[in-house]
């Protein structure tokens, strides 16, 4: 995503095309990769929309990710109050940071990922 960021250009409304072959909403990990792959075909036009802005210097430092949570780069979602979960949480609600920035949640999550447990998927 850093490479993409170096090539970003802010455009004004009068520079937009009237129509696009593909419109991708969300420039997180998946949206950015999808836009990149689709734009490899010179015959198609691709518009990638992101509600947030560009990342700041803290997103380059994994240990600083905590400073990005509840910042302007975070949607800062909370779950609905839970009856049988989140009992140790204030108002029985879970805080779920979600990136509102180029790169999405990958930009604010300490550069970690969590792989789902195979047994959980098998139960579905």
Protein backbone atom coordinates (compact mmCIF):
# COMPACT_ATOMS: atom_id res chain seq x y z
CA UNK A 1 0.00 0.00 0.00
CA UNK A 2 2.92 2.35 0.53
CA UNK A 3 3.71 2.08 -3.17
CA UNK A 4 0.14 2.97 -4.09
CA UNK A 5 0.22 5.92 -1.70
CA UNK A 6 3.23 7.39 -3.52
CA UNK A 7 1.13 7.54 -6.69
CA UNK A 8 -2.09 8.95 -5.22
CA UNK A 9 -3.46 12.02 -6.86
CA UNK A 10 -6.24 14.10 -5.39
CA UNK A 11 -8.81 14.78 -8.07
CA UNK A 12 -11.55 17.34 -8.24
CA UNK A 13 -15.11 16.51 -9.17
CA UNK A 14 -14.74 17.88 -12.72
CA UNK A 15 -11.93 15.38 -13.36
CA UNK A 16 -14.13 12.34 -12.69
CA UNK A 17 -15.35 10.22 -15.55
CA UNK A 18 -19.09 10.09 -16.14
CA UNK A 19 -19.03 6.31 -15.82
CA UNK A 20 -16.65 3.60 -14.63
CA UNK A 21 -16.45 -0.05 -15.48
CA UNK A 22 -15.76 -0.89 -11.84
CA UNK A 23 -16.43 1.07 -8.65
CA UNK A 24 -14.79 -0.35 -5.53
CA UNK A 25 -15.87 1.03 -2.17
CA UNK A 26 -13.17 0.77 0.48
CA UNK A 27 -9.42 1.01 -0.06
CA UNK A 28 -8.56 -1.58 2.57
CA UNK A 29 -6.35 -4.55 1.86
CA UNK A 30 -8.87 -6.30 -0.38
CA UNK A 31 -10.25 -3.23 -2.13
CA UNK A 32 -6.81 -1.86 -2.97
CA UNK A 33 -5.60 -5.21 -4.34
CA UNK A 34 -8.78 -5.67 -6.37
CA UNK A 35 -8.50 -2.17 -7.85
CA UNK A 36 -4.88 -2.80 -8.73
CA UNK A 37 -5.65 -6.08 -10.47
CA UNK A 38 -8.62 -4.69 -12.40
CA UNK A 39 -6.66 -1.62 -13.50
CA UNK A 40 -4.05 -3.84 -15.18
CA UNK A 41 -6.45 -4.03 -18.12
CA UNK A 42 -5.99 -0.73 -20.02
CA UNK A 43 -9.47 -1.09 -21.57
CA UNK A 44 -11.32 -0.65 -18.28
CA UNK A 45 -11.71 2.26 -15.90
CA UNK A 46 -11.64 1.71 -12.14
CA UNK A 47 -12.72 4.05 -9.37
CA UNK A 48 -11.50 3.23 -5.85
CA UNK A 49 -13.34 5.17 -3.12
CA UNK A 50 -12.12 5.51 0.46
CA UNK A 51 -14.02 7.41 3.16
CA UNK A 52 -10.87 8.10 5.14
CA UNK A 53 -7.73 9.87 4.14
CA UNK A 54 -4.10 8.95 3.91
CA UNK A 55 -2.29 7.27 6.76
CA UNK A 56 0.01 9.26 9.05
CA UNK A 57 3.54 8.53 10.22
CA UNK A 58 2.32 6.50 13.22
CA UNK A 59 0.92 3.82 10.92
CA UNK A 60 4.48 2.97 9.87
CA UNK A 61 5.37 1.99 13.46
CA UNK A 62 3.73 -1.25 14.69
CA UNK A 63 4.10 -0.33 18.37
CA UNK A 64 2.25 2.95 17.76
CA UNK A 65 -0.94 1.29 16.50
CA UNK A 66 -2.67 1.88 19.83
CA UNK A 67 -2.40 5.63 19.20
CA UNK A 68 -4.33 5.17 15.94
CA UNK A 69 -7.30 3.51 17.62
CA UNK A 70 -10.09 5.96 18.43
CA UNK A 71 -8.34 8.52 16.20
CA UNK A 72 -9.57 10.10 12.99
CA UNK A 73 -8.24 7.00 11.18
CA UNK A 74 -10.65 4.69 13.04
CA UNK A 75 -14.39 4.16 12.67
CA UNK A 76 -14.31 3.10 16.36
CA UNK A 77 -17.26 0.72 16.21
CA UNK A 78 -18.86 -0.79 19.32
CA UNK A 79 -21.05 -3.86 19.42
CA UNK A 80 -24.58 -3.77 20.69
CA UNK A 81 -24.77 -4.62 24.41
CA UNK A 82 -24.29 -8.37 24.82
CA UNK A 83 -26.28 -10.53 27.20
CA UNK A 84 -23.94 -13.53 27.29
CA UNK A 85 -20.62 -12.01 26.23
CA UNK A 86 -18.37 -9.03 26.93
CA UNK A 87 -19.20 -9.27 30.63
CA UNK A 88 -15.97 -7.55 31.65
CA UNK A 89 -16.50 -4.71 29.20
CA UNK A 90 -18.13 -1.40 29.95
CA UNK A 91 -21.85 -1.67 29.18
CA UNK A 92 -21.19 -5.26 27.95
CA UNK A 93 -20.10 -3.83 24.59
CA UNK A 94 -17.04 -4.75 22.56
CA UNK A 95 -14.86 -2.04 21.03
CA UNK A 96 -13.91 -2.94 17.47
CA UNK A 97 -11.40 -0.65 15.80
CA UNK A 98 -11.86 -0.50 12.01
CA UNK A 99 -9.59 1.51 9.75
CA UNK A 100 -10.96 4.62 8.07
CA UNK A 101 -7.83 5.15 6.01
CA UNK A 102 -6.03 3.95 2.92
CA UNK A 103 -5.19 0.36 3.81
CA UNK A 104 -8.25 -0.05 6.02
CA UNK A 105 -7.96 -1.92 9.28
CA UNK A 106 -4.58 -3.35 8.27
CA UNK A 107 -3.19 0.15 8.75
CA UNK A 108 -4.20 0.35 12.42
CA UNK A 109 -3.97 -3.24 13.70
CA UNK A 110 -0.35 -3.63 14.87
CA UNK A 111 0.45 -5.45 11.57
CA UNK A 112 -1.21 -8.61 12.94
CA UNK A 113 -3.73 -11.00 11.52
CA UNK A 114 -5.77 -13.76 13.11
CA UNK A 115 -6.46 -16.94 11.20
CA UNK A 116 -9.80 -18.57 11.96
CA UNK A 117 -9.90 -21.92 13.70
CA UNK A 118 -10.74 -24.77 11.29
CA UNK A 119 -13.18 -26.30 13.79
CA UNK A 120 -15.19 -23.07 13.93
CA UNK A 121 -15.63 -23.14 10.16
CA UNK A 122 -16.50 -26.84 10.20
CA UNK A 123 -19.34 -26.13 12.66
CA UNK A 124 -20.97 -23.79 10.15
